[in-house]
Amino acid sequence: MWPVLFSLLATAPCEPLALEVVGTARLRREVVEDLLPGPPPLCVSDDQLEEIDRRLWSLGLFDAVKVERDGQVLRVTLREKWTLIPTADLATSRTLVDSYFFLSLTEFNFLGRAMELSGFAMWSERSPSFALSWKEPETRARAVSFQADVSSIGSSLFFEDTEFEWSRRWWSARFGARAPFWYGTQWRLSAMVDLSYERSTGVLPAGVRTEGLNVGLLLGAVWDRFEWHDLVPHGTRVTFEAAPYLFFTARDVTQRHGAQASVLTSFKFGERTALLLAGAAAVSWWGDPNNAMLLGNVSQGGGVRGLPDNLFRTAAHGFGNLELRRALGVTPTLFFQPVVFVDGAVMARIDAFGQPVQAVPALSAGAGLRFIWTTLASLVPRIDGGVLFLPFRSWFFTFGLSQYL
């Protein structure tokens, strides 16, 4: 009899809770409603309370979050950050023209809807690049979210000990959608259509296409149990990406596919210390140097600090980053954060014809300092320095206005 009573109690309907959002000035109530497991009034389990808290932190718009039941109310108390943020990044190289410069301006809470509206200008691979992008929040539980961007990206390709050197530029427009991030699953799914016109000029190897139209899809699946905090993020995020592409020219159609898997995990030791590990493995359809990937100081999801950003073009590579952070408080909202790090990689370097010719290791280590003001969204002045040990030895210095990982 007692098991039957306990079962009836466990399955008894709960009392729906009305939503109360406290402390917001610019954020619209709909943003919080969209990340709930159902429209209010609603029943919320303890596990769902934790997930609501995690999703609110993941927006990166608050320096204080509290989610609680209070009688017949689900109360969400938030303290907003300043969200119009300029960023900059600098990575030195052996020459000024080979260095990396990046400037951007982002509104992380556009129209109060937690949308990102961003523009950037960049000098990389001996060429200027520009882009504008817009993205809806990824935490929506019951609605599709969208994103779009337009860009003009330039690069200069050269290969040591050869006569081949050319400039490439492509103009791109992309539009994508993400499936709802339902409760009860840790997976987020997305798809994006990419159309870009590409043109290359200079001394190219015979057979390399100089002009055409790229048409492709970017398909993503993210297993997300990562919780962002300014000082000590924790949890794990695993990302899988596939990019089936075709390149159309006046004379033929060629394949330009690629794929990547990456992971970011953080271990929390108290309220001020975290150990972060990041890694990625990527492969591209080789045989076309314009479809090769680039591994350097600034790569998707990490890289190898100190590695030149325009030299190592690869058909496949893998890299890993290890970073230990310790925050030291100055005021309740201002912190210094010393870090030490080790970065490493192995890459299949290509020749000017796009064929893998050499396996190259890379290794660097160093230390740095971050300045964290928790009232600002995603703005973290960063200085790193150290030694690149492989594939050659050199000192390096990098500066940025965001965390490296």
Foldseek 3Di string as FASTA:
>chain_A
DVVVVVVCVVPPDDQFAAEAEPADDQADPVLLQQLQQHHPSGDADPVSQVVSQQLVQVLLFFQDWDWDDDPRHTYIYTHGFQFFDKKWKWWDDPDPLLIKIKIKTWRCQVNNQRKIWMKMWIRHQSDIKIKTKIWGDQSGAQDKTKIKMWMKDKHWADAPPDPDIKIKIKTKIKIKIKDHPHPPAQKIKMKMWMKMWMAMDDGADPPADGTWIKTKMKIKMKRDPWGDHLAFTFDKMKMKIWIWMWTDDPPDIDTKIKIKIKMWGWDDDPDHKIKIKIKMKMAIDFQHQVSWDWAACDDVGGGFRPGGGNHFTARIKMKMKIKIWGWDDPDPFKTKIKMWMKMKMWGQGADSRRHGDDIWIWIWIWMKMWIGGSSYRQFIWIKIWTWIVPPHTDIIIMIMGGDND
